[in-house]
């Protein structure tokens, strides 16, 4: 199993945290579970 863990320092701004979560969602969509079985923020 391959996993991609995206780590960010976090922010007080919820919009900044949402950007990291959206990035993970886009990676997972484009990945189609071919490269990574799990993508998490």
PDB file of N, CA and C in Angstrom:
ATOM      1  N   UNK A   1       0.848  -1.170   0.000  1.00  0.00           N
ATOM      2  CA  UNK A   1       0.000   0.000   0.000  1.00  0.00           C
ATOM      3  C   UNK A   1       0.896   1.237   0.000  1.00  0.00           C
ATOM      4  N   UNK A   2       0.582   2.170  -0.877  1.00  0.00           N
ATOM      5  CA  UNK A   2       1.287   3.449  -0.917  1.00  0.00           C
ATOM      6  C   UNK A   2       0.349   4.529  -0.406  1.00  0.00           C
ATOM      7  N   UNK A   3       0.895   5.418   0.404  1.00  0.00           N
ATOM      8  CA  UNK A   3       0.109   6.521   0.946  1.00  0.00           C
ATOM      9  C   UNK A   3       0.860   7.825   0.738  1.00  0.00           C
ATOM     10  N   UNK A   4       0.104   8.900   0.561  1.00  0.00           N
ATOM     11  CA  UNK A   4       0.674  10.243   0.474  1.00  0.00           C
ATOM     12  C   UNK A   4       0.084  11.043   1.622  1.00  0.00           C
ATOM     13  N   UNK A   5       0.927  11.527   2.494  1.00  0.00           N
ATOM     14  CA  UNK A   5       0.505  12.335   3.627  1.00  0.00           C
ATOM     15  C   UNK A   5       0.990  13.757   3.395  1.00  0.00           C
ATOM     16  N   UNK A   6       0.065  14.688   3.296  1.00  0.00           N
ATOM     17  CA  UNK A   6       0.398  16.092   3.080  1.00  0.00           C
ATOM     18  C   UNK A   6       0.371  16.779   4.443  1.00  0.00           C
ATOM     19  N   UNK A   7       1.505  17.341   4.837  1.00  0.00           N
ATOM     20  CA  UNK A   7       1.623  17.976   6.147  1.00  0.00           C
ATOM     21  C   UNK A   7       1.854  19.469   5.951  1.00  0.00           C
ATOM     22  N   UNK A   8       1.032  20.266   6.599  1.00  0.00           N
ATOM     23  CA  UNK A   8       1.192  21.717   6.583  1.00  0.00           C
ATOM     24  C   UNK A   8       1.247  22.192   8.032  1.00  0.00           C
ATOM     25  N   UNK A   9       1.810  23.344   8.243  1.00  0.00           N
ATOM     26  CA  UNK A   9       1.986  23.832   9.616  1.00  0.00           C
ATOM     27  C   UNK A   9       0.678  24.245  10.260  1.00  0.00           C
ATOM     28  N   UNK A  10      -0.381  24.388   9.472  1.00  0.00           N
ATOM     29  CA  UNK A  10      -1.669  24.813  10.024  1.00  0.00           C
ATOM     30  C   UNK A  10      -1.763  26.326  10.036  1.00  0.00           C
ATOM     31  N   UNK A  11      -2.959  26.805  10.126  1.00  0.00           N
ATOM     32  CA  UNK A  11      -3.171  28.243  10.083  1.00  0.00           C
ATOM     33  C   UNK A  11      -4.386  28.597  10.923  1.00  0.00           C
ATOM     34  N   UNK A  12      -4.405  29.814  11.392  1.00  0.00           N
ATOM     35  CA  UNK A  12      -5.595  30.307  12.091  1.00  0.00           C
ATOM     36  C   UNK A  12      -6.704  30.596  11.090  1.00  0.00           C
ATOM     37  N   UNK A  13      -6.296  30.840   9.843  1.00  0.00           N
ATOM     38  CA  UNK A  13      -7.272  31.109   8.783  1.00  0.00           C
ATOM     39  C   UNK A  13      -7.816  29.786   8.258  1.00  0.00           C
ATOM     40  N   UNK A  14      -9.096  29.577   8.425  1.00  0.00           N
ATOM     41  CA  UNK A  14      -9.715  28.329   7.973  1.00  0.00           C
ATOM     42  C   UNK A  14      -9.586  28.168   6.465  1.00  0.00           C
ATOM     43  N   UNK A  15      -9.595  29.282   5.730  1.00  0.00           N
ATOM     44  CA  UNK A  15      -9.459  29.213   4.269  1.00  0.00           C
ATOM     45  C   UNK A  15      -8.120  28.598   3.874  1.00  0.00           C
ATOM     46  N   UNK A  16      -7.080  28.903   4.622  1.00  0.00           N
ATOM     47  CA  UNK A  16      -5.763  28.323   4.323  1.00  0.00           C
ATOM     48  C   UNK A  16      -5.760  26.824   4.573  1.00  0.00           C
ATOM     49  N   UNK A  17      -6.393  26.405   5.653  1.00  0.00           N
ATOM     50  CA  UNK A  17      -6.487  24.976   5.949  1.00  0.00           C
ATOM     51  C   UNK A  17      -7.325  24.261   4.891  1.00  0.00           C
ATOM     52  N   UNK A  18      -8.381  24.928   4.421  1.00  0.00           N
ATOM     53  CA  UNK A  18      -9.223  24.347   3.366  1.00  0.00           C
ATOM     54  C   UNK A  18      -8.429  24.140   2.085  1.00  0.00           C
ATOM     55  N   UNK A  19      -7.508  25.057   1.783  1.00  0.00           N
ATOM     56  CA  UNK A  19      -6.688  24.921   0.576  1.00  0.00           C
ATOM     57  C   UNK A  19      -5.889  23.624   0.598  1.00  0.00           C
ATOM     58  N   UNK A  20      -5.357  23.267   1.749  1.00  0.00           N
ATOM     59  CA  UNK A  20      -4.582  22.027   1.865  1.00  0.00           C
ATOM     60  C   UNK A  20      -5.499  20.824   1.663  1.00  0.00           C
ATOM     61  N   UNK A  21      -6.681  20.866   2.257  1.00  0.00           N
ATOM     62  CA  UNK A  21      -7.633  19.758   2.086  1.00  0.00           C
ATOM     63  C   UNK A  21      -8.079  19.644   0.625  1.00  0.00           C
ATOM     64  N   UNK A  22      -8.294  20.785  -0.028  1.00  0.00           N
ATOM     65  CA  UNK A  22      -8.688  20.769  -1.439  1.00  0.00           C
ATOM     66  C   UNK A  22      -7.565  20.226  -2.313  1.00  0.00           C
ATOM     67  N   UNK A  23      -6.334  20.556  -1.986  1.00  0.00           N
ATOM     68  CA  UNK A  23      -5.190  20.024  -2.720  1.00  0.00           C
ATOM     69  C   UNK A  23      -5.191  18.502  -2.643  1.00  0.00           C
ATOM     70  N   UNK A  24      -5.400  17.966  -1.461  1.00  0.00           N
ATOM     71  CA  UNK A  24      -5.439  16.504  -1.300  1.00  0.00           C
ATOM     72  C   UNK A  24      -6.573  15.895  -2.115  1.00  0.00           C
ATOM     73  N   UNK A  25      -7.719  16.542  -2.126  1.00  0.00           N
ATOM     74  CA  UNK A  25      -8.850  16.035  -2.903  1.00  0.00           C
ATOM     75  C   UNK A  25      -8.515  16.024  -4.392  1.00  0.00           C
ATOM     76  N   UNK A  26      -7.855  17.087  -4.888  1.00  0.00           N
ATOM     77  CA  UNK A  26      -7.484  17.137  -6.310  1.00  0.00           C
ATOM     78  C   UNK A  26      -6.461  16.064  -6.648  1.00  0.00           C
ATOM     79  N   UNK A  27      -5.501  15.860  -5.763  1.00  0.00           N
ATOM     80  CA  UNK A  27      -4.501  14.812  -6.000  1.00  0.00           C
ATOM     81  C   UNK A  27      -5.185  13.458  -6.080  1.00  0.00           C
ATOM     82  N   UNK A  28      -6.102  13.214  -5.158  1.00  0.00           N
ATOM     83  CA  UNK A  28      -6.790  11.925  -5.131  1.00  0.00           C
ATOM     84  C   UNK A  28      -7.637  11.727  -6.393  1.00  0.00           C
ATOM     85  N   UNK A  29      -8.307  12.789  -6.855  1.00  0.00           N
ATOM     86  CA  UNK A  29      -9.118  12.700  -8.074  1.00  0.00           C
ATOM     87  C   UNK A  29      -8.255  12.386  -9.286  1.00  0.00           C
ATOM     88  N   UNK A  30      -7.147  13.091  -9.439  1.00  0.00           N
ATOM     89  CA  UNK A  30      -6.268  12.884 -10.598  1.00  0.00           C
ATOM     90  C   UNK A  30      -5.529  11.562 -10.509  1.00  0.00           C
ATOM     91  N   UNK A  31      -5.267  11.120  -9.298  1.00  0.00           N
ATOM     92  CA  UNK A  31      -4.529   9.888  -9.062  1.00  0.00           C
ATOM     93  C   UNK A  31      -5.353   8.673  -9.465  1.00  0.00           C
ATOM     94  N   UNK A  32      -6.640   8.710  -9.211  1.00  0.00           N
ATOM     95  CA  UNK A  32      -7.494   7.571  -9.538  1.00  0.00           C
ATOM     96  C   UNK A  32      -7.055   6.300  -8.832  1.00  0.00           C
ATOM     97  N   UNK A  33      -6.407   6.434  -7.678  1.00  0.00           N
ATOM     98  CA  UNK A  33      -5.905   5.298  -6.889  1.00  0.00           C
ATOM     99  C   UNK A  33      -4.894   4.455  -7.653  1.00  0.00           C
ATOM    100  N   UNK A  34      -4.242   5.025  -8.655  1.00  0.00           N
ATOM    101  CA  UNK A  34      -3.217   4.291  -9.402  1.00  0.00           C
ATOM    102  C   UNK A  34      -1.856   4.395  -8.723  1.00  0.00           C
ATOM    103  N   UNK A  35      -1.511   5.585  -8.265  1.00  0.00           N
ATOM    104  CA  UNK A  35      -0.195   5.795  -7.646  1.00  0.00           C
ATOM    105  C   UNK A  35      -0.268   5.605  -6.130  1.00  0.00           C
ATOM    106  N   UNK A  36      -1.298   6.206  -5.515  1.00  0.00           N
ATOM    107  CA  UNK A  36      -1.439   6.154  -4.061  1.00  0.00           C
ATOM    108  C   UNK A  36      -2.784   5.536  -3.699  1.00  0.00           C
ATOM    109  N   UNK A  37      -2.765   4.652  -2.727  1.00  0.00           N
ATOM    110  CA  UNK A  37      -4.004   4.061  -2.233  1.00  0.00           C
ATOM    111  C   UNK A  37      -4.724   5.019  -1.292  1.00  0.00           C
ATOM    112  N   UNK A  38      -3.955   5.851  -0.596  1.00  0.00           N
ATOM    113  CA  UNK A  38      -4.505   6.764   0.404  1.00  0.00           C
ATOM    114  C   UNK A  38      -3.834   8.119   0.243  1.00  0.00           C
ATOM    115  N   UNK A  39      -4.643   9.195   0.255  1.00  0.00           N
ATOM    116  CA  UNK A  39      -4.123  10.563   0.248  1.00  0.00           C
ATOM    117  C   UNK A  39      -4.824  11.293   1.386  1.00  0.00           C
ATOM    118  N   UNK A  40      -4.047  11.809   2.330  1.00  0.00           N
ATOM    119  CA  UNK A  40      -4.620  12.475   3.500  1.00  0.00           C
ATOM    120  C   UNK A  40      -3.856  13.751   3.828  1.00  0.00           C
ATOM    121  N   UNK A  41      -4.600  14.695   4.414  1.00  0.00           N
ATOM    122  CA  UNK A  41      -3.995  15.939   4.904  1.00  0.00           C
ATOM    123  C   UNK A  41      -3.937  15.880   6.413  1.00  0.00           C
TER     124      UNK A  41
END
